[in-house]
Amino acid sequence: MQSYFSDEFGSFYRRLPSSVQKQADRAFEHFEHDSRYPSLKFKCVNQQQSRYSIRINRRCRALSHITGDEVTWYWIGIDHDEYERRIND
């Protein structure tokens, strides 16, 4: 799968603490090599809208849309309520 990052994703990423940004960078490197890398817990969170999630750390998650073999990351954050809302939007 080929990953892309939306402009909106970049604004969320820049709001994260630098330590979490480094963890996110590492997670996306793992994803590029193996989307099934165990710590990522890559999974479908909304089948109707093809939304998928990966775990960055205990609190941080990233969300994407999948079309064919392209993954577009559109959100990353540590607010679980916002994560739940974005899954179902």
Protein backbone atom coordinates (compact mmCIF):
# COMPACT_ATOMS: atom_id res chain seq x y z
CA MET A 1 0.00 0.00 0.00
CA GLN A 2 1.12 3.53 -0.77
CA SER A 3 0.63 6.11 2.01
CA TYR A 4 -0.31 9.74 1.54
CA PHE A 5 -0.84 12.44 4.14
CA SER A 6 -3.55 15.07 3.83
CA ASP A 7 -2.78 18.73 4.54
CA GLU A 8 -5.17 18.47 7.47
CA PHE A 9 -3.11 15.57 8.87
CA GLY A 10 -0.03 17.80 8.90
CA SER A 11 -1.74 20.40 11.07
CA PHE A 12 -2.76 17.74 13.61
CA TYR A 13 0.72 16.21 13.55
CA ARG A 14 2.39 19.57 14.28
CA ARG A 15 0.22 19.98 17.41
CA LEU A 16 1.61 16.80 18.96
CA PRO A 17 4.48 16.89 21.44
CA SER A 18 7.82 16.21 19.74
CA SER A 19 8.19 12.87 21.56
CA VAL A 20 4.86 11.69 20.10
CA GLN A 21 5.85 12.99 16.65
CA LYS A 22 8.95 10.78 16.82
CA GLN A 23 6.81 7.79 17.80
CA ALA A 24 4.46 8.58 14.91
CA ASP A 25 7.37 8.78 12.48
CA ARG A 26 8.57 5.37 13.65
CA ALA A 27 5.05 3.90 13.41
CA PHE A 28 4.63 5.12 9.82
CA GLU A 29 8.02 3.67 8.89
CA HIS A 30 6.87 0.32 10.27
CA PHE A 31 3.59 0.68 8.37
CA GLU A 32 5.42 1.30 5.09
CA HIS A 33 7.41 -1.91 5.54
CA ASP A 34 4.63 -4.06 7.02
CA SER A 35 1.09 -2.80 7.63
CA ARG A 36 0.57 -5.81 9.90
CA TYR A 37 3.42 -4.83 12.23
CA PRO A 38 2.08 -6.05 15.61
CA SER A 39 2.33 -2.85 17.67
CA LEU A 40 0.38 -0.83 15.07
CA LYS A 41 -2.83 -2.81 15.57
CA PHE A 42 -3.90 -1.70 12.07
CA LYS A 43 -7.64 -2.27 11.80
CA CYS A 44 -10.84 -1.21 10.10
CA VAL A 45 -12.85 1.07 12.40
CA ASN A 46 -15.65 2.03 9.98
CA GLN A 47 -16.27 -0.45 7.19
CA GLN A 48 -18.91 1.64 5.40
CA GLN A 49 -16.49 4.53 4.90
CA SER A 50 -13.27 2.45 4.62
CA ARG A 51 -11.73 4.11 7.68
CA TYR A 52 -8.73 2.48 9.30
CA SER A 53 -6.72 3.15 12.42
CA ILE A 54 -3.21 2.52 13.71
CA ARG A 55 -1.88 2.82 17.23
CA ILE A 56 1.02 5.21 17.69
CA ASN A 57 1.33 4.71 21.44
CA ARG A 58 -0.97 4.00 24.39
CA ARG A 59 -2.97 7.21 23.82
CA CYS A 60 -2.28 8.34 20.26
CA ARG A 61 -4.06 7.03 17.16
CA ALA A 62 -4.02 7.90 13.46
CA LEU A 63 -6.93 7.54 11.04
CA SER A 64 -6.96 6.92 7.31
CA HIS A 65 -9.18 6.24 4.33
CA ILE A 66 -8.29 3.39 2.01
CA THR A 67 -9.07 3.41 -1.68
CA GLY A 68 -7.71 0.47 -3.60
CA ASP A 69 -4.07 0.18 -2.55
CA GLU A 70 -3.77 3.83 -1.41
CA VAL A 71 -3.95 4.90 2.22
CA THR A 72 -4.63 8.57 2.93
CA TRP A 73 -3.93 9.58 6.52
CA TYR A 74 -6.21 12.42 7.58
CA TRP A 75 -6.08 12.64 11.40
CA ILE A 76 -3.70 11.95 14.28
CA GLY A 77 -4.24 12.78 17.91
CA ILE A 78 -4.39 11.83 21.56
CA ASP A 79 -7.99 12.88 22.31
CA HIS A 80 -9.98 9.64 22.48
CA ASP A 81 -13.35 11.41 22.27
CA GLU A 82 -12.29 13.17 19.07
CA TYR A 83 -10.98 9.85 17.73
CA GLU A 84 -14.36 8.20 18.32
CA ARG A 85 -16.20 11.15 16.73
CA ARG A 86 -13.99 11.11 13.63
CA ILE A 87 -14.49 7.37 13.16
CA ASN A 88 -18.24 7.90 12.91
CA ASP A 89 -18.38 11.25 11.03
